């Protein structure tokens, strides 16, 4: 890796010319139901707008019938909302057929690293033996929280990494790296252990370096230029100082961070470097390219990236189509996004043998890895790929509804469409998620309090009652956090007035253990 390229990337990440703007009375769960079986009474009925899951929305022509033995071309056409797409799309920023050459893949099971000698530890000292044993038990116990594991690690005598057997230290880092979403606290925990390992002169594996880069670049909801620089700085240290060459996974992370920060020229440079190193463009990069074109407002680019994913032998599933829906909305093509959603329902209704996708984030994570390996191993075996494709579900999942409900609550304000989506979610027996509540409260805050609005105070009270019952029943994914507090307070202030909003504020404070100063800061936001 030449210094020139690394310096160029660092400069590009902080240069303003490389940033382009993207085309930018309690009720029986009448709003939501978290029971697997759909309820006869629904919120949709309460606003006199009866629709059913199998019906298509108005003003959209029905999708053409899909044969049970859908071909790869059928999957390609799922995003073809405009007939003229094939003649208008621009060339991909990647070569049409990326090189199938030896790859460097990150696999925790086959990393070859020089293990450290733990002989300098104080395990023989009775004063510390119990602390070390406790840490080992915590790491091996899958029910241990990351906070508890790290607290136990910090209690070890210095240097902490040398107190643990090599396999336990690697397992500790792996445990801390597997998270549903990266946070600042998680980033601090992980990178501090890497710093301890550097001080103790313990080699850091490619997997661990890449995880550190991911934490540095993705620990905040919005990726900033500073986050991009932090990720690049760790990557530079990995390659130039530690002598560990990045893999396709490392570059996928860098590409994702650059894209989400709006550093599109930098993102293209990263892709070009992957090609120069002859690294495989895997499933994650292909999905990332769909998202990349969405941020750029390029609808045809989204479709081209989607078709390239299929042409490269990858499997289409709900994750891919959710990314396409979100990207089309970002690109200013909401009708095309709704079209994809309708075709997801149509395909799921007609294909046989497909099961609803796992709702567990760890299961989804593992499925993504398996699908990527399938494309790598069977990418040119069309019959095998078709067989695997037919086994994948294309049914909408909770994430699909979060995307679509979020769009309508924040942009269109179409409460009837929101109601239909919620009924369809119940029809599929999908569980409730706190993000849906947050989106609905946001809709009341944005569209309520106006004359002739459908977002009335009475309906807001109904949602609030359902939310409280979900909290009382400890429904997974429903909790009181910063943004739910902000949107609930704003919604009641807009729809019900200051007096009622202050009552709600006190209720929220009683349900969330937070100091008074922090509550007041959130209230002012």
Protein backbone atom coordinates (compact mmCIF):
# COMPACT_ATOMS: atom_id res chain seq x y z
CA UNK A 1 0.00 0.00 0.00
CA UNK A 2 1.58 3.25 -1.08
CA UNK A 3 1.62 6.30 1.17
CA UNK A 4 0.26 8.37 -1.69
CA UNK A 5 -3.08 6.59 -1.74
CA UNK A 6 -3.58 6.76 2.02
CA UNK A 7 -2.72 10.46 2.11
CA UNK A 8 -5.08 11.08 -0.80
CA UNK A 9 -7.92 9.36 1.02
CA UNK A 10 -7.34 11.31 4.21
CA UNK A 11 -7.29 14.58 2.27
CA UNK A 12 -10.40 13.65 0.31
CA UNK A 13 -12.30 12.84 3.49
CA UNK A 14 -11.77 16.32 4.86
CA UNK A 15 -12.03 18.33 1.65
CA UNK A 16 -15.30 20.16 1.18
CA UNK A 17 -15.11 19.70 -2.60
CA UNK A 18 -15.42 15.93 -2.12
CA UNK A 19 -18.76 16.25 -0.33
CA UNK A 20 -21.84 16.36 -2.53
CA UNK A 21 -25.31 17.04 -1.20
CA UNK A 22 -27.81 14.21 -1.60
CA UNK A 23 -31.18 14.83 -3.36
CA UNK A 24 -32.27 15.15 -0.19
CA UNK A 25 -60.79 5.20 27.21
CA UNK A 26 -58.19 2.43 26.76
CA UNK A 27 -58.42 0.66 23.43
CA UNK A 28 -57.60 -2.91 22.51
CA UNK A 29 -54.48 -2.05 20.50
CA UNK A 30 -56.47 -0.26 17.83
CA UNK A 31 -53.22 1.28 16.56
CA UNK A 32 -50.88 -1.65 17.02
CA UNK A 33 -51.08 -5.29 17.93
CA UNK A 34 -48.12 -7.25 19.19
CA UNK A 35 -50.05 -10.52 19.15
CA UNK A 36 -49.03 -12.96 16.39
CA UNK A 37 -52.64 -13.41 15.32
CA UNK A 38 -54.07 -10.33 13.54
CA UNK A 39 -56.93 -8.62 15.30
CA UNK A 40 -60.36 -8.22 13.74
CA UNK A 41 -60.56 -4.64 14.97
CA UNK A 42 -57.76 -2.47 13.71
CA UNK A 43 -56.75 1.13 13.66
CA UNK A 44 -57.45 1.21 9.95
CA UNK A 45 -61.12 0.50 10.63
CA UNK A 46 -61.22 3.34 13.15
CA UNK A 47 -60.60 5.88 10.39
CA UNK A 48 -63.09 4.31 7.98
CA UNK A 49 -60.58 3.27 5.40
CA UNK A 50 -60.92 -0.51 4.93
CA UNK A 51 -58.21 -2.17 2.94
CA UNK A 52 -56.71 -5.62 2.99
CA UNK A 53 -53.17 -6.89 2.70
CA UNK A 54 -53.75 -8.50 -0.68
CA UNK A 55 -55.02 -5.27 -2.21
CA UNK A 56 -52.77 -2.82 -3.90
CA UNK A 57 -52.86 0.84 -3.01
CA UNK A 58 -54.87 3.19 -5.16
CA UNK A 59 -53.22 4.93 -8.11
CA UNK A 60 -50.81 2.04 -8.60
CA UNK A 61 -51.34 -0.56 -11.27
CA UNK A 62 -51.26 -4.20 -10.08
CA UNK A 63 -47.94 -5.98 -10.43
CA UNK A 64 -47.84 -8.63 -13.13
CA UNK A 65 -48.37 -12.20 -11.91
CA UNK A 66 -45.20 -13.94 -10.79
CA UNK A 67 -44.80 -17.61 -11.58
CA UNK A 68 -43.96 -19.94 -8.67
CA UNK A 69 -40.75 -20.79 -10.55
CA UNK A 70 -39.58 -17.19 -10.74
CA UNK A 71 -36.37 -16.77 -12.74
CA UNK A 72 -33.42 -14.47 -12.14
CA UNK A 73 -34.90 -12.11 -14.73
CA UNK A 74 -38.09 -11.90 -12.65
CA UNK A 75 -36.03 -10.79 -9.68
CA UNK A 76 -34.17 -8.25 -11.80
CA UNK A 77 -37.44 -6.69 -12.90
CA UNK A 78 -38.62 -6.07 -9.35
CA UNK A 79 -37.14 -2.56 -9.47
CA UNK A 80 -38.19 -1.78 -13.05
CA UNK A 81 -40.79 0.90 -12.32
CA UNK A 82 -40.04 2.78 -15.54
CA UNK A 83 -40.15 0.90 -18.84
CA UNK A 84 -37.38 3.06 -20.27
CA UNK A 85 -34.90 2.22 -17.50
CA UNK A 86 -32.74 -0.19 -19.48
CA UNK A 87 -31.94 2.37 -22.14
CA UNK A 88 -31.37 5.29 -19.79
CA UNK A 89 -29.17 3.92 -17.02
CA UNK A 90 -25.60 5.13 -16.81
CA UNK A 91 -22.59 2.85 -16.64
CA UNK A 92 -21.77 1.41 -13.25
CA UNK A 93 -18.86 2.83 -11.29
CA UNK A 94 -17.66 -0.78 -11.05
CA UNK A 95 -16.59 -2.98 -13.95
CA UNK A 96 -19.40 -5.09 -15.42
CA UNK A 97 -17.72 -8.32 -14.37
CA UNK A 98 -15.40 -7.85 -11.38
CA UNK A 99 -12.34 -10.09 -11.37
CA UNK A 100 -12.75 -13.53 -9.81
CA UNK A 101 -9.26 -13.70 -8.34
CA UNK A 102 -7.85 -14.88 -5.00
CA UNK A 103 -9.57 -13.05 -2.21
CA UNK A 104 -8.73 -12.03 1.32
CA UNK A 105 -11.76 -12.76 3.47
CA UNK A 106 -12.20 -12.12 7.17
CA UNK A 107 -13.13 -15.33 8.91
CA UNK A 108 -12.72 -15.48 12.67
CA UNK A 109 -12.08 -19.21 12.47
CA UNK A 110 -9.09 -19.07 10.09
CA UNK A 111 -7.17 -15.98 11.12
CA UNK A 112 -3.50 -16.68 11.35
CA UNK A 113 -1.86 -14.45 13.92
CA UNK A 114 1.10 -14.69 16.20
CA UNK A 115 -0.26 -15.43 19.64
CA UNK A 116 1.17 -13.60 22.60
CA UNK A 117 2.87 -15.16 25.58
CA UNK A 118 0.74 -14.68 28.67
CA UNK A 119 3.60 -15.64 30.95
CA UNK A 120 4.03 -12.07 32.16
CA UNK A 121 0.57 -12.11 33.75
CA UNK A 122 -0.09 -12.28 37.46
CA UNK A 123 -2.26 -15.38 37.36
CA UNK A 124 0.02 -17.06 39.92
CA UNK A 125 -0.53 -14.23 42.39
CA UNK A 126 -3.41 -15.25 44.71
CA UNK A 127 -4.37 -11.59 44.97
CA UNK A 128 -5.28 -11.47 41.27
CA UNK A 129 -6.08 -15.11 40.48
CA UNK A 130 -9.73 -14.74 41.47
CA UNK A 131 -10.10 -11.57 39.38
CA UNK A 132 -8.63 -13.30 36.32
CA UNK A 133 -10.82 -16.36 36.80
CA UNK A 134 -13.88 -14.13 37.13
CA UNK A 135 -13.05 -12.36 33.87
CA UNK A 136 -12.60 -15.66 32.05
CA UNK A 137 -15.98 -16.86 33.32
CA UNK A 138 -17.61 -13.62 32.22
CA UNK A 139 -16.16 -13.89 28.71
CA UNK A 140 -17.26 -17.51 28.34
CA UNK A 141 -20.76 -16.80 29.64
CA UNK A 142 -22.88 -15.83 26.63
CA UNK A 143 -25.43 -14.15 28.89
CA UNK A 144 -22.86 -11.62 30.16
CA UNK A 145 -23.45 -8.07 29.01
CA UNK A 146 -20.74 -6.12 27.26
CA UNK A 147 -20.69 -3.64 30.13
CA UNK A 148 -20.12 -6.40 32.69
CA UNK A 149 -17.38 -8.03 30.59
CA UNK A 150 -15.52 -4.77 30.14
CA UNK A 151 -15.85 -3.86 33.83
CA UNK A 152 -14.34 -7.22 34.73
CA UNK A 153 -11.55 -6.67 32.21
CA UNK A 154 -10.73 -3.26 33.68
CA UNK A 155 -10.40 -4.83 37.14
CA UNK A 156 -7.45 -6.93 35.92
CA UNK A 157 -3.95 -5.83 36.92
CA UNK A 158 -2.02 -3.92 34.30
CA UNK A 159 -1.21 -4.78 31.58
CA UNK A 160 -4.65 -6.34 31.30
CA UNK A 161 -4.25 -8.18 27.96
CA UNK A 162 -1.29 -10.13 29.31
CA UNK A 163 -3.37 -11.49 32.19
CA UNK A 164 -5.66 -13.45 29.90
CA UNK A 165 -4.95 -16.59 27.86
CA UNK A 166 -4.68 -15.72 24.13
CA UNK A 167 -7.88 -17.52 23.16
CA UNK A 168 -9.86 -15.74 25.91
CA UNK A 169 -8.52 -12.34 24.84
CA UNK A 170 -9.60 -13.01 21.23
CA UNK A 171 -12.98 -14.23 22.39
CA UNK A 172 -13.42 -11.12 24.53
CA UNK A 173 -12.80 -8.87 21.52
CA UNK A 174 -15.14 -10.95 19.39
CA UNK A 175 -17.90 -10.72 22.00
CA UNK A 176 -17.55 -6.95 22.19
CA UNK A 177 -17.56 -6.60 18.39
CA UNK A 178 -20.90 -8.39 17.89
CA UNK A 179 -23.55 -5.72 18.50
CA UNK A 180 -26.93 -4.87 16.99
CA UNK A 181 -25.85 -1.27 16.50
CA UNK A 182 -22.56 0.40 17.28
CA UNK A 183 -22.51 3.09 19.97
CA UNK A 184 -19.99 5.53 21.36
CA UNK A 185 -19.72 3.50 24.58
CA UNK A 186 -19.07 0.33 22.59
CA UNK A 187 -16.44 2.13 20.53
CA UNK A 188 -14.61 3.33 23.65
CA UNK A 189 -14.61 -0.18 25.13
CA UNK A 190 -13.31 -1.86 22.01
CA UNK A 191 -10.65 0.67 21.02
CA UNK A 192 -9.32 0.95 24.58
CA UNK A 193 -8.60 -2.80 24.57
CA UNK A 194 -6.86 -2.48 21.20
CA UNK A 195 -4.76 0.32 22.68
CA UNK A 196 -3.86 -1.94 25.63
CA UNK A 197 -2.80 -4.64 23.18
CA UNK A 198 -0.58 -2.19 21.30
CA UNK A 199 1.07 -1.13 24.55
CA UNK A 200 1.63 -4.77 25.48
CA UNK A 201 2.97 -5.45 21.97
CA UNK A 202 0.32 -8.10 21.29
CA UNK A 203 -0.41 -8.57 17.55
CA UNK A 204 -3.88 -7.45 16.47
CA UNK A 205 -5.61 -9.58 13.87
CA UNK A 206 -7.20 -8.35 10.65
CA UNK A 207 -10.66 -9.08 12.07
CA UNK A 208 -9.92 -6.98 15.16
CA UNK A 209 -8.49 -4.08 13.15
CA UNK A 210 -11.52 -4.08 10.87
CA UNK A 211 -13.89 -4.15 13.83
CA UNK A 212 -12.06 -1.18 15.31
CA UNK A 213 -12.44 0.72 12.04
CA UNK A 214 -16.16 -0.08 12.03
CA UNK A 215 -16.60 1.19 15.59
CA UNK A 216 -14.70 4.40 14.83
CA UNK A 217 -16.74 5.15 11.72
CA UNK A 218 -20.21 3.93 12.68
CA UNK A 219 -20.68 4.62 16.38
CA UNK A 220 -22.86 7.70 15.83
CA UNK A 221 -26.26 7.89 14.16
CA UNK A 222 -24.94 10.39 11.63
CA UNK A 223 -21.49 9.84 10.18
CA UNK A 224 -19.43 13.03 10.14
CA UNK A 225 -16.20 13.98 8.42
CA UNK A 226 -14.45 13.46 11.77
CA UNK A 227 -15.73 9.88 11.90
CA UNK A 228 -14.38 9.24 8.39
CA UNK A 229 -10.98 10.59 9.41
CA UNK A 230 -10.96 8.41 12.53
CA UNK A 231 -11.70 5.30 10.47
CA UNK A 232 -9.03 6.16 7.92
CA UNK A 233 -6.51 6.88 10.64
CA UNK A 234 -6.95 3.41 12.14
CA UNK A 235 -6.76 1.84 8.68
CA UNK A 236 -3.53 3.74 7.98
CA UNK A 237 -2.07 2.55 11.29
CA UNK A 238 -3.10 -1.03 10.48
CA UNK A 239 -1.44 -1.10 7.08
CA UNK A 240 1.57 1.19 7.49
CA UNK A 241 2.58 0.56 11.09
CA UNK A 242 1.26 -2.91 11.89
CA UNK A 243 1.81 -4.24 8.37
CA UNK A 244 -1.64 -5.85 8.16
CA UNK A 245 -3.18 -5.54 4.71
CA UNK A 246 -6.89 -4.76 4.55
CA UNK A 247 -9.33 -7.28 3.12
CA UNK A 248 -12.49 -6.73 1.10
CA UNK A 249 -14.38 -6.50 4.40
CA UNK A 250 -12.08 -3.71 5.59
CA UNK A 251 -12.71 -1.75 2.41
CA UNK A 252 -16.45 -2.43 2.58
CA UNK A 253 -16.45 -0.75 5.98
CA UNK A 254 -14.48 2.24 4.68
CA UNK A 255 -16.80 2.53 1.67
CA UNK A 256 -19.87 2.42 3.90
CA UNK A 257 -18.49 5.09 6.23
CA UNK A 258 -17.49 7.38 3.35
CA UNK A 259 -20.88 6.94 1.66
CA UNK A 260 -22.89 7.72 4.79
CA UNK A 261 -20.79 10.81 5.38
CA UNK A 262 -21.58 12.01 1.85
CA UNK A 263 -17.95 11.67 0.73
CA UNK A 264 -18.83 10.23 -2.66
CA UNK A 265 -15.51 10.89 -4.41
CA UNK A 266 -13.72 9.25 -1.52
CA UNK A 267 -16.11 6.29 -1.77
CA UNK A 268 -15.26 5.89 -5.46
CA UNK A 269 -11.55 6.03 -4.63
CA UNK A 270 -12.03 3.20 -2.14
CA UNK A 271 -13.81 1.08 -4.77
CA UNK A 272 -11.05 1.76 -7.26
CA UNK A 273 -8.46 0.67 -4.70
CA UNK A 274 -10.39 -2.56 -4.14
CA UNK A 275 -10.23 -3.23 -7.87
CA UNK A 276 -6.52 -2.40 -7.98
CA UNK A 277 -5.91 -4.91 -5.18
CA UNK A 278 -8.15 -7.44 -6.98
CA UNK A 279 -10.40 -7.81 -3.96
CA UNK A 280 -13.78 -9.43 -4.43
CA UNK A 281 -16.80 -7.12 -4.50
CA UNK A 282 -18.94 -9.09 -2.08
CA UNK A 283 -22.60 -8.96 -1.09
CA UNK A 284 -22.13 -6.20 1.46
CA UNK A 285 -20.39 -3.96 -1.06
CA UNK A 286 -23.10 -4.65 -3.65
CA UNK A 287 -25.85 -3.68 -1.22
CA UNK A 288 -23.76 -0.69 -0.18
CA UNK A 289 -23.66 0.46 -3.81
CA UNK A 290 -27.46 0.51 -3.91
CA UNK A 291 -27.45 2.72 -0.83
CA UNK A 292 -24.66 4.85 -2.30
CA UNK A 293 -26.71 5.71 -5.39
CA UNK A 294 -29.71 6.46 -3.19
CA UNK A 295 -27.74 9.06 -1.25
CA UNK A 296 -26.66 10.58 -4.54
CA UNK A 297 -30.27 10.79 -5.71
CA UNK A 298 -29.56 8.52 -8.67
CA UNK A 299 -32.58 6.24 -9.24
CA UNK A 300 -31.14 4.64 -12.38
CA UNK A 301 -27.90 4.02 -10.50
CA UNK A 302 -29.89 2.17 -7.84
CA UNK A 303 -31.45 -0.09 -10.46
CA UNK A 304 -28.13 -0.69 -12.16
CA UNK A 305 -26.46 -1.62 -8.85
CA UNK A 306 -29.37 -3.95 -8.05
CA UNK A 307 -29.10 -5.74 -11.40
CA UNK A 308 -25.31 -5.98 -11.03
CA UNK A 309 -25.84 -7.68 -7.67
CA UNK A 310 -27.95 -10.36 -9.35
CA UNK A 311 -25.63 -10.69 -12.35
CA UNK A 312 -22.74 -11.30 -9.94
CA UNK A 313 -24.54 -14.36 -8.58
CA UNK A 314 -25.85 -12.89 -5.32
CA UNK A 315 -29.14 -13.86 -3.70
CA UNK A 316 -31.97 -11.33 -3.43
CA UNK A 317 -33.72 -11.30 -0.07
CA UNK A 318 -35.70 -8.90 2.08
CA UNK A 319 -32.54 -7.09 3.24
CA UNK A 320 -31.58 -6.23 -0.35
CA UNK A 321 -35.09 -5.05 -1.23
CA UNK A 322 -35.39 -2.99 1.96
CA UNK A 323 -32.19 -1.21 0.96
CA UNK A 324 -33.66 -0.61 -2.50
CA UNK A 325 -36.87 0.82 -1.01
CA UNK A 326 -35.00 3.17 1.33
CA UNK A 327 -32.63 4.22 -1.46
CA UNK A 328 -35.44 4.96 -3.92
CA UNK A 329 -37.15 7.12 -1.31
CA UNK A 330 -33.90 9.00 -0.72
CA UNK A 331 -33.53 9.44 -4.48
CA UNK A 332 -36.95 11.12 -4.67
CA UNK A 333 -38.79 8.14 -6.17
CA UNK A 334 -41.31 7.13 -3.47
CA UNK A 335 -43.76 5.68 -6.03
CA UNK A 336 -41.04 3.36 -7.29
CA UNK A 337 -40.28 2.37 -3.68
CA UNK A 338 -43.95 1.54 -3.07
CA UNK A 339 -43.89 -0.47 -6.31
CA UNK A 340 -41.04 -2.60 -4.95
CA UNK A 341 -43.01 -3.14 -1.73
CA UNK A 342 -46.06 -4.31 -3.68
CA UNK A 343 -43.93 -6.71 -5.69
CA UNK A 344 -42.40 -8.08 -2.48
CA UNK A 345 -45.91 -8.96 -1.32
CA UNK A 346 -46.79 -10.40 -4.72
CA UNK A 347 -43.67 -12.55 -4.89
CA UNK A 348 -44.10 -13.81 -1.35
CA UNK A 349 -47.74 -14.71 -1.99
CA UNK A 350 -46.88 -16.77 -5.10
CA UNK A 351 -43.56 -18.39 -4.31
CA UNK A 352 -43.77 -21.70 -2.49
CA UNK A 353 -41.42 -22.96 0.18
CA UNK A 354 -40.28 -19.51 1.29
CA UNK A 355 -40.44 -18.83 5.01
CA UNK A 356 -40.67 -15.53 6.81
CA UNK A 357 -37.18 -14.20 7.58
CA UNK A 358 -35.67 -14.36 11.03
CA UNK A 359 -36.49 -11.33 13.13
CA UNK A 360 -33.44 -11.77 15.36
CA UNK A 361 -30.60 -9.44 14.40
CA UNK A 362 -27.98 -12.10 15.05
CA UNK A 363 -29.84 -14.52 12.80
CA UNK A 364 -30.07 -11.89 10.07
CA UNK A 365 -26.35 -11.18 10.45
CA UNK A 366 -25.45 -14.84 10.07
CA UNK A 367 -27.83 -15.27 7.13
CA UNK A 368 -26.12 -12.41 5.32
CA UNK A 369 -22.76 -14.11 5.75
CA UNK A 370 -24.11 -17.43 4.50
CA UNK A 371 -25.64 -15.80 1.42
CA UNK A 372 -22.35 -14.07 0.64
CA UNK A 373 -20.46 -17.35 0.90
CA UNK A 374 -23.07 -19.01 -1.31
CA UNK A 375 -22.51 -16.40 -4.02
CA UNK A 376 -18.74 -16.86 -3.70
CA UNK A 377 -18.91 -20.65 -3.92
CA UNK A 378 -21.77 -21.12 -6.40
CA UNK A 379 -21.86 -17.78 -8.22
CA UNK A 380 -21.43 -19.36 -11.68
CA UNK A 381 -23.66 -22.35 -10.98
CA UNK A 382 -26.96 -20.87 -12.17
CA UNK A 383 -29.01 -23.90 -11.19
CA UNK A 384 -27.66 -23.93 -7.63
CA UNK A 385 -28.08 -20.18 -7.24
CA UNK A 386 -31.67 -20.43 -8.49
CA UNK A 387 -32.35 -23.18 -5.98
CA UNK A 388 -30.96 -21.06 -3.15
CA UNK A 389 -32.85 -18.02 -4.39
CA UNK A 390 -36.17 -19.86 -4.30
CA UNK A 391 -35.57 -20.69 -0.64
CA UNK A 392 -35.23 -17.04 0.38
CA UNK A 393 -38.16 -15.03 1.63
CA UNK A 394 -39.04 -11.76 -0.05
CA UNK A 395 -41.81 -10.97 2.42
CA UNK A 396 -41.76 -7.50 4.00
CA UNK A 397 -40.34 -7.53 7.52
CA UNK A 398 -40.47 -5.04 10.39
CA UNK A 399 -37.69 -2.99 8.82
CA UNK A 400 -39.73 -2.63 5.61
CA UNK A 401 -42.60 -1.10 7.56
CA UNK A 402 -40.32 1.17 9.58
CA UNK A 403 -38.98 2.60 6.30
CA UNK A 404 -42.39 3.11 4.68
CA UNK A 405 -44.19 4.35 7.79
CA UNK A 406 -41.29 6.72 8.42
CA UNK A 407 -41.62 8.14 4.94
CA UNK A 408 -45.36 8.77 5.21
CA UNK A 409 -45.25 10.20 8.71
CA UNK A 410 -42.41 12.57 7.94
CA UNK A 411 -43.13 13.52 4.33
CA UNK A 412 -46.65 12.87 3.01
CA UNK A 413 -48.66 12.94 6.22
CA UNK A 414 -51.04 10.35 4.71
CA UNK A 415 -52.53 8.82 7.84
CA UNK A 416 -54.69 6.44 5.85
CA UNK A 417 -51.65 4.97 4.13
CA UNK A 418 -49.94 4.60 7.50
CA UNK A 419 -53.02 2.78 8.77
CA UNK A 420 -52.95 0.38 5.83
CA UNK A 421 -49.28 -0.41 6.39
CA UNK A 422 -49.89 -1.14 10.06
CA UNK A 423 -52.75 -3.48 9.21
CA UNK A 424 -50.54 -5.30 6.71
CA UNK A 425 -47.84 -5.65 9.34
CA UNK A 426 -50.43 -7.28 11.64
CA UNK A 427 -51.61 -9.52 8.80
CA UNK A 428 -48.08 -10.96 8.51
CA UNK A 429 -47.97 -11.53 12.27
CA UNK A 430 -44.89 -9.33 12.60
CA UNK A 431 -44.01 -8.06 16.07
CA UNK A 432 -44.28 -4.48 17.20
CA UNK A 433 -41.11 -2.41 17.26
CA UNK A 434 -40.40 0.78 19.15
CA UNK A 435 -39.28 2.52 15.98
CA UNK A 436 -42.85 2.37 14.67
CA UNK A 437 -44.11 4.19 17.75
CA UNK A 438 -41.40 6.79 17.32
CA UNK A 439 -42.35 7.35 13.68
CA UNK A 440 -46.05 7.70 14.56
CA UNK A 441 -45.40 10.20 17.35
CA UNK A 442 -43.22 12.12 14.94
CA UNK A 443 -46.12 12.21 12.48
CA UNK A 444 -48.37 13.80 15.11
CA UNK A 445 -45.67 16.34 15.93
CA UNK A 446 -45.27 17.29 12.27
CA UNK A 447 -48.87 17.15 11.02
CA UNK A 448 -51.06 17.55 14.10
CA UNK A 449 -52.58 20.70 15.55
CA UNK A 450 -53.80 21.95 12.19
CA UNK A 451 -57.31 22.54 10.92
CA UNK A 452 -58.96 19.51 9.28
CA UNK A 453 -55.96 17.31 10.04
CA UNK A 454 -56.42 13.58 10.53
CA UNK A 455 -53.67 13.64 13.15
CA UNK A 456 -55.99 14.53 16.02
CA UNK A 457 -55.45 14.66 19.75
CA UNK A 458 -57.88 11.79 20.31
CA UNK A 459 -55.88 9.51 18.03
CA UNK A 460 -52.68 10.62 19.68
CA UNK A 461 -54.09 9.60 23.08
CA UNK A 462 -54.90 6.17 21.60
CA UNK A 463 -51.33 5.71 20.42
CA UNK A 464 -50.02 6.88 23.78
CA UNK A 465 -52.18 4.31 25.56
CA UNK A 466 -50.90 1.52 23.32
CA UNK A 467 -47.32 2.63 23.87
CA UNK A 468 -47.71 2.54 27.65
CA UNK A 469 -49.24 -0.95 27.53
CA UNK A 470 -46.35 -2.13 25.37
CA UNK A 471 -43.94 -0.78 27.98
CA UNK A 472 -45.85 -2.47 30.81
CA UNK A 473 -45.73 -5.79 28.98
CA UNK A 474 -41.98 -5.45 28.25
CA UNK A 475 -42.49 -5.82 24.50
CA UNK A 476 -39.11 -6.34 22.85
CA UNK A 477 -37.81 -3.22 21.11
CA UNK A 478 -40.18 -0.86 22.92
CA UNK A 479 -38.52 1.38 25.50
CA UNK A 480 -38.28 4.99 26.63
CA UNK A 481 -35.28 6.67 25.02
CA UNK A 482 -34.16 10.10 23.95
CA UNK A 483 -35.97 10.35 20.61
CA UNK A 484 -39.21 8.75 21.71
CA UNK A 485 -39.30 11.28 24.59
CA UNK A 486 -38.65 14.19 22.23
CA UNK A 487 -41.33 13.21 19.71
CA UNK A 488 -43.95 12.30 22.34
CA UNK A 489 -43.50 15.66 24.04
CA UNK A 490 -43.61 17.58 20.76
CA UNK A 491 -46.67 15.63 19.59
CA UNK A 492 -48.70 16.41 22.71
CA UNK A 493 -47.58 20.03 22.70
CA UNK A 494 -48.77 20.33 19.09
CA UNK A 495 -52.03 18.37 19.34
CA UNK A 496 -53.17 18.73 22.95
CA UNK A 497 -51.62 21.93 24.30
CA UNK A 498 -49.04 22.82 26.93
CA UNK A 499 -50.95 21.57 29.97
CA UNK A 500 -51.36 18.04 28.63
CA UNK A 501 -47.80 17.95 27.29
CA UNK A 502 -46.46 18.79 30.77
CA UNK A 503 -48.50 15.94 32.24
CA UNK A 504 -47.02 13.58 29.66
CA UNK A 505 -43.57 14.95 30.42
CA UNK A 506 -43.89 13.98 34.08
CA UNK A 507 -45.07 10.50 33.09
CA UNK A 508 -42.05 10.08 30.82
CA UNK A 509 -39.71 11.16 33.61
CA UNK A 510 -41.19 8.51 35.90
CA UNK A 511 -40.53 5.81 33.28
CA UNK A 512 -36.96 6.79 32.41
CA UNK A 513 -34.21 6.95 34.99
CA UNK A 514 -32.41 10.10 33.97
CA UNK A 515 -31.17 13.04 35.98
CA UNK A 516 -33.17 16.28 35.93
CA UNK A 517 -30.52 18.28 34.06
CA UNK A 518 -30.41 15.76 31.21
CA UNK A 519 -34.20 15.73 30.98
CA UNK A 520 -34.28 19.52 30.70
CA UNK A 521 -31.61 19.44 28.00
CA UNK A 522 -33.67 16.95 25.98
CA UNK A 523 -36.80 19.02 26.52
CA UNK A 524 -35.11 22.06 24.97
CA UNK A 525 -34.02 20.16 21.83
